[in-house]
Protein backbone atom coordinates (compact mmCIF):
# COMPACT_ATOMS: atom_id res chain seq x y z
CA MET A 1 82.25 103.62 21.99
CA SER A 2 78.99 101.84 21.27
CA VAL A 3 75.71 103.31 22.43
CA SER A 4 74.99 100.34 24.70
CA SER A 5 78.33 100.52 26.51
CA HIS A 6 78.05 104.29 26.80
CA VAL A 7 74.55 104.03 28.26
CA ALA A 8 75.71 101.46 30.80
CA SER A 9 78.38 103.83 32.12
CA CYS A 10 76.18 106.96 32.41
CA SER A 11 72.97 107.95 34.10
CA ASP A 12 69.82 108.27 31.99
CA ALA A 13 69.93 112.06 32.34
CA GLN A 14 73.57 112.24 31.23
CA VAL A 15 72.84 110.16 28.13
CA MET A 16 69.82 112.30 27.20
CA ASP A 17 71.75 115.52 27.81
CA GLU A 18 74.64 114.35 25.66
CA TYR A 19 72.49 113.40 22.68
CA SER A 20 70.23 116.46 22.90
CA SER A 21 73.25 118.78 23.14
CA LYS A 22 74.40 117.34 19.80
CA SER A 23 71.02 118.22 18.21
CA PHE A 24 69.68 114.69 18.12
CA ARG A 25 65.94 114.26 18.64
CA LEU A 26 65.05 112.01 21.56
CA LEU A 27 61.97 109.92 22.18
CA ALA A 28 61.86 108.41 25.64
CA MET A 29 59.38 105.90 27.02
CA ALA A 30 59.00 105.51 30.77
CA VAL A 31 56.63 103.80 33.14
CA GLY A 32 55.60 104.76 36.63
CA THR A 33 52.77 104.63 39.12
CA ILE A 34 50.36 107.50 39.78
CA PRO A 35 48.71 107.06 43.18
CA ASN A 36 45.02 108.02 43.29
CA ALA A 37 44.90 108.37 39.49
CA ALA A 38 41.12 107.93 39.50
CA GLY A 39 40.75 111.27 41.28
CA LEU A 40 42.85 113.25 38.77
CA ASP A 41 41.62 115.09 35.68
CA PHE A 42 44.46 114.32 33.27
CA ALA A 43 42.80 116.29 30.46
CA MET A 44 43.28 119.49 32.46
CA MET A 45 46.88 118.76 33.51
CA THR A 46 50.14 119.64 31.78
CA GLN A 47 52.67 116.94 31.03
CA GLN A 48 54.88 118.30 33.82
CA GLN A 49 52.01 118.09 36.33
CA VAL A 50 51.28 114.47 35.39
CA GLU A 51 54.96 113.53 35.61
CA ALA A 52 55.21 115.22 39.02
CA CYS A 53 52.41 112.95 40.29
CA ALA A 54 54.19 109.80 39.13
CA VAL A 55 56.36 107.82 41.49
CA HIS A 56 59.01 105.22 40.72
CA MET A 57 59.47 106.34 37.11
CA GLN A 58 61.66 103.97 35.14
CA LEU A 59 63.11 104.67 31.70
CA LEU A 60 62.17 101.78 29.42
CA SER A 61 63.52 102.92 26.09
CA LEU A 62 65.33 105.80 24.44
CA VAL A 63 65.18 106.32 20.68
CA VAL A 64 67.81 108.66 19.22
CA LEU A 65 66.88 110.24 15.89
CA THR A 66 68.91 112.39 13.55
CA ASN A 67 67.47 115.44 11.88
CA ASN A 68 69.68 115.90 8.84
CA VAL A 69 69.47 119.24 7.09
CA ARG A 70 68.29 118.86 3.51
CA SER A 71 70.30 120.47 0.75
CA ASP A 72 67.49 122.91 -0.11
CA SER A 73 66.89 124.02 3.49
CA LYS A 74 69.15 127.07 3.26
CA ASP A 75 67.21 128.42 0.26
CA THR A 76 63.85 127.70 1.92
CA ILE A 77 64.84 129.49 5.12
CA ALA A 78 66.12 132.50 3.16
CA HIS A 79 62.86 132.63 1.21
CA LEU A 80 60.78 132.53 4.38
CA GLN A 81 62.88 135.24 6.01
CA ASP A 82 62.34 137.53 3.00
CA ARG A 83 58.57 137.46 3.45
């Protein structure tokens, strides 16, 4: 099944859950409106707080990345654990 046909048959959350459960890295871009944004101090807010203020969020893009394990990773992890 191609990614595009799979995405068309699932919700955004289902697609993200499926890829993340298979250890893919996901980068999502969304757009939304934040009412009264001028009165908010975004520098003092967490990402979750900012997202909670947003209304009508729409997923624009989802990038799926692989994180292949390098051949020397096992030795590096063992070395770090021995410290």
